[in-house]
Amino acid sequence: MIVIDPVRDWGGHPVLIYGPSYVSDAAKIGRGTKIGAFCDISSVIIGENCNIQCHVSIPTGTIIGNNVFIGPGVKILNDLYPVSKRLTPPTIHNEAILGGGCIINPGVVVGQNSVVCSGALVTGDVPPDTVYMSKTLPATHHCSRQSYNQKQRRHEKRKPRL
């Protein structure tokens, strides 16, 4: 659904979604959640009383608990080796805070009551009740495209973690 005017009801209960935004009709959004403008929200589960600021991207399969704050410009990713055939969406547990502009990599679990500081790049799980931050570094060479493609194929063959 393309949201232009504010939506005040989703699935029969009160939410507030500001437009313009894209929210999949398959998204499950909990009571009392607020979603800012310019968001892209796919087929996801979002708990109750969440506050999702503007310019946030939440891809297919992501699970977000209750009372989660997601700052402006947060990018949540679900494909470790784009474009692969295996998505590994992250999970954000209850009471977590994601500061503006942070990036949550595929498969990451952000623990309950934890904080990810603004601008952080999160590549591994964040334990409950912790604060994570990262220093911004310039991009550097990591591997060849051939190596990347090999890693992608190995990743696609792995069984998903439960």
C-alpha atoms as a PDB file:
ATOM      1  CA  MET A   1       0.000   0.000   0.000  1.00  0.00           C
ATOM      2  CA  ILE A   2       1.292   3.443  -0.863  1.00  0.00           C
ATOM      3  CA  VAL A   3       0.424   5.739   2.029  1.00  0.00           C
ATOM      4  CA  ILE A   4      -0.220   9.344   1.061  1.00  0.00           C
ATOM      5  CA  ASP A   5      -2.554  10.640   3.753  1.00  0.00           C
ATOM      6  CA  PRO A   6      -1.990   9.489   7.354  1.00  0.00           C
ATOM      7  CA  VAL A   7      -3.358   6.009   8.087  1.00  0.00           C
ATOM      8  CA  ARG A   8      -4.841   5.708  11.558  1.00  0.00           C
ATOM      9  CA  ASP A   9      -5.950   2.072  11.503  1.00  0.00           C
ATOM     10  CA  TRP A  10      -4.104  -1.104  10.523  1.00  0.00           C
ATOM     11  CA  GLY A  11      -5.643  -4.531  10.911  1.00  0.00           C
ATOM     12  CA  GLY A  12      -8.493  -3.155  13.016  1.00  0.00           C
ATOM     13  CA  HIS A  13      -6.432  -1.371  15.657  1.00  0.00           C
ATOM     14  CA  PRO A  14      -4.945   2.115  16.003  1.00  0.00           C
ATOM     15  CA  VAL A  15      -1.594   2.888  14.388  1.00  0.00           C
ATOM     16  CA  LEU A  16      -0.285   6.051  12.757  1.00  0.00           C
ATOM     17  CA  ILE A  17       1.496   5.852   9.402  1.00  0.00           C
ATOM     18  CA  TYR A  18       2.561   9.082   7.710  1.00  0.00           C
ATOM     19  CA  GLY A  19       2.917   9.331   3.941  1.00  0.00           C
ATOM     20  CA  PRO A  20       4.388   9.213   1.534  1.00  0.00           C
ATOM     21  CA  SER A  21       5.501   5.730   2.557  1.00  0.00           C
ATOM     22  CA  TYR A  22       5.275   2.189   1.259  1.00  0.00           C
ATOM     23  CA  VAL A  23       3.917  -0.437   3.663  1.00  0.00           C
ATOM     24  CA  SER A  24       3.246  -3.966   2.402  1.00  0.00           C
ATOM     25  CA  ASP A  25      -0.321  -5.166   2.825  1.00  0.00           C
ATOM     26  CA  ALA A  26       1.230  -8.301   4.366  1.00  0.00           C
ATOM     27  CA  ALA A  27       2.947  -6.309   7.157  1.00  0.00           C
ATOM     28  CA  LYS A  28       1.705  -7.052  10.675  1.00  0.00           C
ATOM     29  CA  ILE A  29       1.841  -3.872  12.736  1.00  0.00           C
ATOM     30  CA  GLY A  30       0.971  -3.761  16.435  1.00  0.00           C
ATOM     31  CA  ARG A  31      -1.395  -1.407  18.206  1.00  0.00           C
ATOM     32  CA  GLY A  32      -0.098   2.075  18.964  1.00  0.00           C
ATOM     33  CA  THR A  33       2.859   1.950  16.561  1.00  0.00           C
ATOM     34  CA  LYS A  34       3.847   5.151  14.744  1.00  0.00           C
ATOM     35  CA  ILE A  35       5.636   5.153  11.391  1.00  0.00           C
ATOM     36  CA  GLY A  36       7.129   8.308   9.901  1.00  0.00           C
ATOM     37  CA  ALA A  37       7.101   9.462   6.297  1.00  0.00           C
ATOM     38  CA  PHE A  38       9.306   8.102   3.513  1.00  0.00           C
ATOM     39  CA  CYS A  39       9.523   4.606   5.005  1.00  0.00           C
ATOM     40  CA  ASP A  40       9.767   1.378   3.024  1.00  0.00           C
ATOM     41  CA  ILE A  41       8.288  -1.497   5.014  1.00  0.00           C
ATOM     42  CA  SER A  42       7.937  -4.938   3.438  1.00  0.00           C
ATOM     43  CA  SER A  43       6.281  -8.100   4.719  1.00  0.00           C
ATOM     44  CA  VAL A  44       7.382  -7.832   8.374  1.00  0.00           C
ATOM     45  CA  ILE A  45       6.153  -8.168  11.942  1.00  0.00           C
ATOM     46  CA  ILE A  46       6.273  -5.008  14.064  1.00  0.00           C
ATOM     47  CA  GLY A  47       5.158  -5.098  17.695  1.00  0.00           C
ATOM     48  CA  GLU A  48       3.056  -2.690  19.725  1.00  0.00           C
ATOM     49  CA  ASN A  49       3.929   0.902  20.632  1.00  0.00           C
ATOM     50  CA  CYS A  50       6.950   1.150  18.353  1.00  0.00           C
ATOM     51  CA  ASN A  51       8.196   4.516  17.120  1.00  0.00           C
ATOM     52  CA  ILE A  52       9.687   4.312  13.643  1.00  0.00           C
ATOM     53  CA  GLN A  53      11.023   7.627  12.402  1.00  0.00           C
ATOM     54  CA  CYS A  54      11.205   8.843   8.770  1.00  0.00           C
ATOM     55  CA  HIS A  55      13.356   7.376   5.973  1.00  0.00           C
ATOM     56  CA  VAL A  56      13.550   3.899   7.538  1.00  0.00           C
ATOM     57  CA  SER A  57      13.854   0.722   5.457  1.00  0.00           C
ATOM     58  CA  ILE A  58      12.622  -2.563   6.957  1.00  0.00           C
ATOM     59  CA  PRO A  59      12.905  -5.546   4.572  1.00  0.00           C
ATOM     60  CA  THR A  60      10.933  -8.760   4.247  1.00  0.00           C
ATOM     61  CA  GLY A  61      11.065 -11.164   7.179  1.00  0.00           C
ATOM     62  CA  THR A  62      12.280  -8.704   9.807  1.00  0.00           C
ATOM     63  CA  ILE A  63      10.754  -9.143  13.258  1.00  0.00           C
ATOM     64  CA  ILE A  64      10.540  -6.150  15.599  1.00  0.00           C
ATOM     65  CA  GLY A  65       9.346  -6.498  19.202  1.00  0.00           C
ATOM     66  CA  ASN A  66       7.285  -4.119  21.338  1.00  0.00           C
ATOM     67  CA  ASN A  67       8.276  -0.599  22.403  1.00  0.00           C
ATOM     68  CA  VAL A  68      11.159  -0.364  19.927  1.00  0.00           C
ATOM     69  CA  PHE A  69      12.478   3.039  18.809  1.00  0.00           C
ATOM     70  CA  ILE A  70      13.996   3.236  15.331  1.00  0.00           C
ATOM     71  CA  GLY A  71      15.647   6.573  14.544  1.00  0.00           C
ATOM     72  CA  PRO A  72      15.553   8.383  11.210  1.00  0.00           C
ATOM     73  CA  GLY A  73      17.440   6.899   8.291  1.00  0.00           C
ATOM     74  CA  VAL A  74      17.964   3.452   9.821  1.00  0.00           C
ATOM     75  CA  LYS A  75      18.594   0.712   7.266  1.00  0.00           C
ATOM     76  CA  ILE A  76      17.807  -2.866   8.181  1.00  0.00           C
ATOM     77  CA  LEU A  77      19.148  -5.426   5.697  1.00  0.00           C
ATOM     78  CA  ASN A  78      18.158  -9.028   4.985  1.00  0.00           C
ATOM     79  CA  ASP A  79      20.505 -10.189   2.208  1.00  0.00           C
ATOM     80  CA  LEU A  80      24.111 -10.883   3.190  1.00  0.00           C
ATOM     81  CA  TYR A  81      25.255 -11.355  -0.418  1.00  0.00           C
ATOM     82  CA  PRO A  82      22.929  -9.343  -2.672  1.00  0.00           C
ATOM     83  CA  VAL A  83      21.297 -10.513  -4.819  1.00  0.00           C
ATOM     84  CA  SER A  84      21.178 -14.026  -3.313  1.00  0.00           C
ATOM     85  CA  LYS A  85      18.442 -16.621  -3.060  1.00  0.00           C
ATOM     86  CA  ARG A  86      18.666 -16.799   0.742  1.00  0.00           C
ATOM     87  CA  LEU A  87      17.371 -13.984   2.912  1.00  0.00           C
ATOM     88  CA  THR A  88      18.429 -13.784   6.566  1.00  0.00           C
ATOM     89  CA  PRO A  89      16.341 -11.055   8.159  1.00  0.00           C
ATOM     90  CA  PRO A  90      17.314  -9.605  11.531  1.00  0.00           C
ATOM     91  CA  THR A  91      15.324  -9.625  14.757  1.00  0.00           C
ATOM     92  CA  ILE A  92      15.003  -6.565  16.996  1.00  0.00           C
ATOM     93  CA  HIS A  93      13.786  -7.463  20.491  1.00  0.00           C
ATOM     94  CA  ASN A  94      11.529  -5.504  22.878  1.00  0.00           C
ATOM     95  CA  GLU A  95      12.597  -2.105  24.221  1.00  0.00           C
ATOM     96  CA  ALA A  96      15.579  -1.812  21.834  1.00  0.00           C
ATOM     97  CA  ILE A  97      16.707   1.572  20.505  1.00  0.00           C
ATOM     98  CA  LEU A  98      18.274   1.963  17.064  1.00  0.00           C
ATOM     99  CA  GLY A  99      19.877   5.391  16.720  1.00  0.00           C
ATOM    100  CA  GLY A 100      19.518   7.432  13.560  1.00  0.00           C
ATOM    101  CA  GLY A 101      21.439   6.304  10.510  1.00  0.00           C
ATOM    102  CA  CYS A 102      22.580   2.972  11.885  1.00  0.00           C
ATOM    103  CA  ILE A 103      22.742  -0.098   9.667  1.00  0.00           C
ATOM    104  CA  ILE A 104      21.656  -3.512  10.913  1.00  0.00           C
ATOM    105  CA  ASN A 105      23.185  -6.292   8.812  1.00  0.00           C
ATOM    106  CA  PRO A 106      21.325  -9.466   7.794  1.00  0.00           C
ATOM    107  CA  GLY A 107      20.797 -12.118  10.446  1.00  0.00           C
ATOM    108  CA  VAL A 108      21.685  -9.834  13.355  1.00  0.00           C
ATOM    109  CA  VAL A 109      19.750 -10.180  16.606  1.00  0.00           C
ATOM    110  CA  VAL A 110      19.456  -6.965  18.631  1.00  0.00           C
ATOM    111  CA  GLY A 111      18.779  -7.982  22.225  1.00  0.00           C
ATOM    112  CA  GLN A 112      16.088  -6.720  24.550  1.00  0.00           C
ATOM    113  CA  ASN A 113      16.649  -3.295  26.079  1.00  0.00           C
ATOM    114  CA  SER A 114      19.827  -2.703  24.075  1.00  0.00           C
ATOM    115  CA  VAL A 115      20.911   0.476  22.297  1.00  0.00           C
ATOM    116  CA  VAL A 116      22.629   0.812  18.938  1.00  0.00           C
ATOM    117  CA  CYS A 117      24.108   4.308  18.694  1.00  0.00           C
ATOM    118  CA  SER A 118      23.546   6.542  15.694  1.00  0.00           C
ATOM    119  CA  GLY A 119      25.628   5.794  12.636  1.00  0.00           C
ATOM    120  CA  ALA A 120      26.739   2.382  13.883  1.00  0.00           C
ATOM    121  CA  LEU A 121      27.299  -0.504  11.500  1.00  0.00           C
ATOM    122  CA  VAL A 122      26.092  -3.662  13.275  1.00  0.00           C
ATOM    123  CA  THR A 123      27.561  -6.855  11.815  1.00  0.00           C
ATOM    124  CA  GLY A 124      27.031  -9.237  14.766  1.00  0.00           C
ATOM    125  CA  ASP A 125      24.476  -9.878  17.484  1.00  0.00           C
ATOM    126  CA  VAL A 126      23.918  -7.238  20.162  1.00  0.00           C
ATOM    127  CA  PRO A 127      23.370  -8.828  23.605  1.00  0.00           C
ATOM    128  CA  PRO A 128      20.487  -7.654  25.800  1.00  0.00           C
ATOM    129  CA  ASP A 129      21.004  -4.591  28.026  1.00  0.00           C
ATOM    130  CA  THR A 130      24.090  -3.362  26.159  1.00  0.00           C
ATOM    131  CA  VAL A 131      25.042  -0.261  24.178  1.00  0.00           C
ATOM    132  CA  TYR A 132      26.845  -0.712  20.861  1.00  0.00           C
ATOM    133  CA  MET A 133      28.555   1.943  18.794  1.00  0.00           C
ATOM    134  CA  SER A 134      31.115   2.042  15.991  1.00  0.00           C
ATOM    135  CA  LYS A 135      33.555   4.539  14.623  1.00  0.00           C
ATOM    136  CA  THR A 136      33.116   5.539  11.018  1.00  0.00           C
ATOM    137  CA  LEU A 137      35.947   4.324   8.834  1.00  0.00           C
ATOM    138  CA  PRO A 138      36.452   4.810   5.123  1.00  0.00           C
ATOM    139  CA  ALA A 139      35.581   1.851   2.919  1.00  0.00           C
ATOM    140  CA  THR A 140      38.521  -0.404   2.094  1.00  0.00           C
ATOM    141  CA  HIS A 141      39.118  -3.295  -0.295  1.00  0.00           C
ATOM    142  CA  HIS A 142      37.745  -6.528   1.129  1.00  0.00           C
ATOM    143  CA  CYS A 143      37.904  -9.162  -1.627  1.00  0.00           C
ATOM    144  CA  SER A 144      37.567  -9.755  -5.364  1.00  0.00           C
ATOM    145  CA  ARG A 145      34.189 -10.133  -7.033  1.00  0.00           C
ATOM    146  CA  GLN A 146      35.066 -13.766  -7.768  1.00  0.00           C
ATOM    147  CA  SER A 147      35.638 -14.376  -4.054  1.00  0.00           C
ATOM    148  CA  TYR A 148      32.388 -12.583  -3.254  1.00  0.00           C
ATOM    149  CA  ASN A 149      30.465 -14.845  -5.662  1.00  0.00           C
ATOM    150  CA  GLN A 150      32.031 -17.960  -4.078  1.00  0.00           C
ATOM    151  CA  LYS A 151      31.039 -16.767  -0.596  1.00  0.00           C
ATOM    152  CA  GLN A 152      27.520 -16.081  -1.875  1.00  0.00           C
ATOM    153  CA  ARG A 153      27.174 -19.639  -3.210  1.00  0.00           C
ATOM    154  CA  ARG A 154      28.427 -21.150   0.088  1.00  0.00           C
ATOM    155  CA  HIS A 155      26.044 -18.921   2.038  1.00  0.00           C
ATOM    156  CA  GLU A 156      23.052 -20.001  -0.050  1.00  0.00           C
ATOM    157  CA  LYS A 157      23.802 -23.678   0.652  1.00  0.00           C
ATOM    158  CA  ARG A 158      23.873 -23.241   4.444  1.00  0.00           C
ATOM    159  CA  LYS A 159      20.850 -24.160   6.499  1.00  0.00           C
ATOM    160  CA  PRO A 160      19.165 -21.198   8.208  1.00  0.00           C
ATOM    161  CA  ARG A 161      19.847 -20.756  11.897  1.00  0.00           C
ATOM    162  CA  LEU A 162      16.811 -20.949  14.127  1.00  0.00           C
END
